[in-house]
Structure formats: structure tokens, C-alpha cells
Amino acid sequence: MQAVGNAAWLCCCSESANFGVHVILVEMRYSTEERLFVVKLCIKSELNGRIRMTWVRQRFLEHYHKPGPSENAIRKLVNKHNETGSVLNDQKGKSGRSRSARTEINH
């Protein structure tokens, strides 16, 4: 699995005699509940200032029955939580057409 931006991608490879190797990227997005679960696990697993990533990912797999976030995605999520106090994405102002500045000339 590989983290790209706020999403993680699960790489599934299959091999075919006629067509070679096929790589399928499946985007993995995590709900707020899942993100919070990961942060709580990280706090619980912290030992001497280090997070036990393998343990966190294993607990996530056992609880949700799907692959856990990558180590990089977990680090980013924990940093976001430490900096903002939230695990939510800041989507305000990111969607829709961008607004141009209004001036006397182009009003």
C-alpha cells in the first residue's frame, strides 16, 4: 500500500500468461471513525516516543477487516491530530471554481 496525498492506494498485482503483469491501484479512504481509531491506537502503542506501526496496522486489520494505512499515512494523520486536534480533512474552500479578485476594473 502506498500513501498519496490524503488517500492510500492498495496495489494489487496479477500475472497472466498472455498479457504479462497487471497492476491495479485501488484507492483506500478512511472514515473519521477509522482515523480516530488509528490515532487512539498510536497513543496506546507509543513506547519511548516511538509508535509501534506494525502493531497499529495489525489491530486495524483485525478490527476493520481491511488493510490499515501505510506507515507514512499514519505519521501524517498523527501529525495532523497533534497540530490541529482533529483528524478531519480541511476541505473548506477547496471545491468549485476558484474565485478571482474583484477590482474596480473587472467588477
C-alpha atoms as a PDB file:
ATOM      1  CA  MET A   1       0.000   0.000   0.000  1.00  0.00           C
ATOM      2  CA  GLN A   2       1.229   3.493  -0.789  1.00  0.00           C
ATOM      3  CA  ALA A   3       0.026   6.842   0.543  1.00  0.00           C
ATOM      4  CA  VAL A   4      -0.663   9.569  -1.994  1.00  0.00           C
ATOM      5  CA  GLY A   5      -1.969  12.822  -0.585  1.00  0.00           C
ATOM      6  CA  ASN A   6      -4.669  12.060   1.969  1.00  0.00           C
ATOM      7  CA  ALA A   7      -5.554   8.710   0.438  1.00  0.00           C
ATOM      8  CA  ALA A   8      -3.730   5.435   0.415  1.00  0.00           C
ATOM      9  CA  TRP A   9      -3.527   3.192  -2.603  1.00  0.00           C
ATOM     10  CA  LEU A  10      -3.574  -0.570  -2.410  1.00  0.00           C
ATOM     11  CA  CYS A  11      -1.553  -2.143  -5.194  1.00  0.00           C
ATOM     12  CA  CYS A  12      -2.923  -5.442  -6.459  1.00  0.00           C
ATOM     13  CA  CYS A  13      -0.792  -7.339  -8.964  1.00  0.00           C
ATOM     14  CA  SER A  14      -1.803 -10.316 -11.046  1.00  0.00           C
ATOM     15  CA  GLU A  15       0.099 -12.206 -13.689  1.00  0.00           C
ATOM     16  CA  SER A  16      -1.320 -13.577 -16.882  1.00  0.00           C
ATOM     17  CA  ALA A  17       0.468 -15.812 -19.396  1.00  0.00           C
ATOM     18  CA  ASN A  18      -0.918 -13.852 -22.351  1.00  0.00           C
ATOM     19  CA  PHE A  19      -0.876 -10.294 -21.077  1.00  0.00           C
ATOM     20  CA  GLY A  20       2.024 -10.021 -18.597  1.00  0.00           C
ATOM     21  CA  VAL A  21       1.661  -8.360 -15.207  1.00  0.00           C
ATOM     22  CA  HIS A  22      -1.403  -6.243 -14.410  1.00  0.00           C
ATOM     23  CA  VAL A  23      -1.243  -3.616 -11.690  1.00  0.00           C
ATOM     24  CA  ILE A  24      -4.464  -2.274 -10.256  1.00  0.00           C
ATOM     25  CA  LEU A  25      -4.443   0.654  -7.866  1.00  0.00           C
ATOM     26  CA  VAL A  26      -7.387   0.757  -5.505  1.00  0.00           C
ATOM     27  CA  GLU A  27      -7.814   3.966  -3.524  1.00  0.00           C
ATOM     28  CA  MET A  28      -8.288   3.417   0.193  1.00  0.00           C
ATOM     29  CA  ARG A  29     -10.049   6.237   2.020  1.00  0.00           C
ATOM     30  CA  TYR A  30     -10.625   6.048   5.720  1.00  0.00           C
ATOM     31  CA  SER A  31     -13.688   7.256   7.598  1.00  0.00           C
ATOM     32  CA  THR A  32     -13.452   9.664  10.525  1.00  0.00           C
ATOM     33  CA  GLU A  33     -14.132   6.738  12.861  1.00  0.00           C
ATOM     34  CA  GLU A  34     -11.258   4.727  11.330  1.00  0.00           C
ATOM     35  CA  ARG A  35      -8.888   7.702  11.505  1.00  0.00           C
ATOM     36  CA  LEU A  36      -9.729   8.294  15.146  1.00  0.00           C
ATOM     37  CA  PHE A  37      -9.234   4.592  15.847  1.00  0.00           C
ATOM     38  CA  VAL A  38      -5.721   4.795  14.330  1.00  0.00           C
ATOM     39  CA  VAL A  39      -4.785   7.872  16.397  1.00  0.00           C
ATOM     40  CA  LYS A  40      -6.021   6.214  19.602  1.00  0.00           C
ATOM     41  CA  LEU A  41      -4.022   3.087  18.769  1.00  0.00           C
ATOM     42  CA  CYS A  42      -0.920   5.202  18.164  1.00  0.00           C
ATOM     43  CA  ILE A  43      -1.276   6.877  21.543  1.00  0.00           C
ATOM     44  CA  LYS A  44      -1.801   3.495  23.196  1.00  0.00           C
ATOM     45  CA  SER A  45       1.140   1.864  21.377  1.00  0.00           C
ATOM     46  CA  GLU A  46       3.678   4.649  21.928  1.00  0.00           C
ATOM     47  CA  LEU A  47       6.790   3.335  23.628  1.00  0.00           C
ATOM     48  CA  ASN A  48       9.712   5.663  24.415  1.00  0.00           C
ATOM     49  CA  GLY A  49       8.348   8.261  21.976  1.00  0.00           C
ATOM     50  CA  ARG A  50       8.040   5.763  19.103  1.00  0.00           C
ATOM     51  CA  ILE A  51       4.832   4.383  17.611  1.00  0.00           C
ATOM     52  CA  ARG A  52       4.722   0.633  17.016  1.00  0.00           C
ATOM     53  CA  MET A  53       3.463   0.852  13.420  1.00  0.00           C
ATOM     54  CA  THR A  54       3.207  -2.890  12.796  1.00  0.00           C
ATOM     55  CA  TRP A  55       1.089  -3.321  15.929  1.00  0.00           C
ATOM     56  CA  VAL A  56      -1.200  -0.409  14.938  1.00  0.00           C
ATOM     57  CA  ARG A  57      -1.692  -1.758  11.408  1.00  0.00           C
ATOM     58  CA  GLN A  58      -2.381  -5.292  12.733  1.00  0.00           C
ATOM     59  CA  ARG A  59      -5.017  -4.031  15.219  1.00  0.00           C
ATOM     60  CA  PHE A  60      -6.649  -2.005  12.413  1.00  0.00           C
ATOM     61  CA  LEU A  61      -6.794  -5.098  10.172  1.00  0.00           C
ATOM     62  CA  GLU A  62      -8.300  -7.190  12.981  1.00  0.00           C
ATOM     63  CA  HIS A  63     -10.919  -4.561  13.820  1.00  0.00           C
ATOM     64  CA  TYR A  64     -11.993  -3.386  10.342  1.00  0.00           C
ATOM     65  CA  HIS A  65     -11.035  -6.422   8.210  1.00  0.00           C
ATOM     66  CA  LYS A  66      -9.250  -4.285   5.641  1.00  0.00           C
ATOM     67  CA  PRO A  67      -5.635  -3.169   5.217  1.00  0.00           C
ATOM     68  CA  GLY A  68      -4.521  -0.432   7.564  1.00  0.00           C
ATOM     69  CA  PRO A  69      -2.981   2.844   6.454  1.00  0.00           C
ATOM     70  CA  SER A  70       0.670   2.893   5.439  1.00  0.00           C
ATOM     71  CA  GLU A  71       3.262   3.988   7.982  1.00  0.00           C
ATOM     72  CA  ASN A  72       3.607   7.306   6.179  1.00  0.00           C
ATOM     73  CA  ALA A  73      -0.168   7.862   6.217  1.00  0.00           C
ATOM     74  CA  ILE A  74      -0.252   7.062   9.947  1.00  0.00           C
ATOM     75  CA  ARG A  75       2.548   9.566  10.634  1.00  0.00           C
ATOM     76  CA  LYS A  76       0.713  12.261   8.662  1.00  0.00           C
ATOM     77  CA  LEU A  77      -2.534  11.519  10.486  1.00  0.00           C
ATOM     78  CA  VAL A  78      -0.867  11.684  13.913  1.00  0.00           C
ATOM     79  CA  ASN A  79       0.908  14.935  12.949  1.00  0.00           C
ATOM     80  CA  LYS A  80      -2.417  16.398  11.763  1.00  0.00           C
ATOM     81  CA  HIS A  81      -4.028  15.391  15.062  1.00  0.00           C
ATOM     82  CA  ASN A  82      -1.169  16.882  17.094  1.00  0.00           C
ATOM     83  CA  GLU A  83      -1.193  20.157  15.136  1.00  0.00           C
ATOM     84  CA  THR A  84      -4.944  20.728  14.721  1.00  0.00           C
ATOM     85  CA  GLY A  85      -6.553  18.486  17.341  1.00  0.00           C
ATOM     86  CA  SER A  86      -8.647  16.924  14.572  1.00  0.00           C
ATOM     87  CA  VAL A  87      -8.445  14.031  12.126  1.00  0.00           C
ATOM     88  CA  LEU A  88     -10.802  15.658   9.615  1.00  0.00           C
ATOM     89  CA  ASN A  89      -9.678  16.961   6.236  1.00  0.00           C
ATOM     90  CA  ASP A  90      -9.766  20.717   5.799  1.00  0.00           C
ATOM     91  CA  GLN A  91     -11.936  20.882   2.682  1.00  0.00           C
ATOM     92  CA  LYS A  92     -13.255  24.421   3.177  1.00  0.00           C
ATOM     93  CA  GLY A  93     -12.732  26.442   0.026  1.00  0.00           C
ATOM     94  CA  LYS A  94     -11.189  23.572  -1.944  1.00  0.00           C
ATOM     95  CA  SER A  95     -14.117  22.676  -4.178  1.00  0.00           C
ATOM     96  CA  GLY A  96     -15.749  24.516  -7.024  1.00  0.00           C
ATOM     97  CA  ARG A  97     -14.453  27.146  -9.356  1.00  0.00           C
ATOM     98  CA  SER A  98     -11.789  29.391  -7.883  1.00  0.00           C
ATOM     99  CA  ARG A  99     -12.813  32.988  -7.363  1.00  0.00           C
ATOM    100  CA  SER A 100     -10.870  35.817  -8.945  1.00  0.00           C
ATOM    101  CA  ALA A 101     -10.210  39.030  -7.115  1.00  0.00           C
ATOM    102  CA  ARG A 102     -12.766  41.805  -7.607  1.00  0.00           C
ATOM    103  CA  THR A 103     -11.317  45.172  -8.549  1.00  0.00           C
ATOM    104  CA  GLU A 104     -12.720  48.451  -9.784  1.00  0.00           C
ATOM    105  CA  ILE A 105     -11.817  47.444 -13.343  1.00  0.00           C
ATOM    106  CA  ASN A 106     -13.417  43.996 -13.521  1.00  0.00           C
ATOM    107  CA  HIS A 107     -16.456  44.308 -11.236  1.00  0.00           C
END
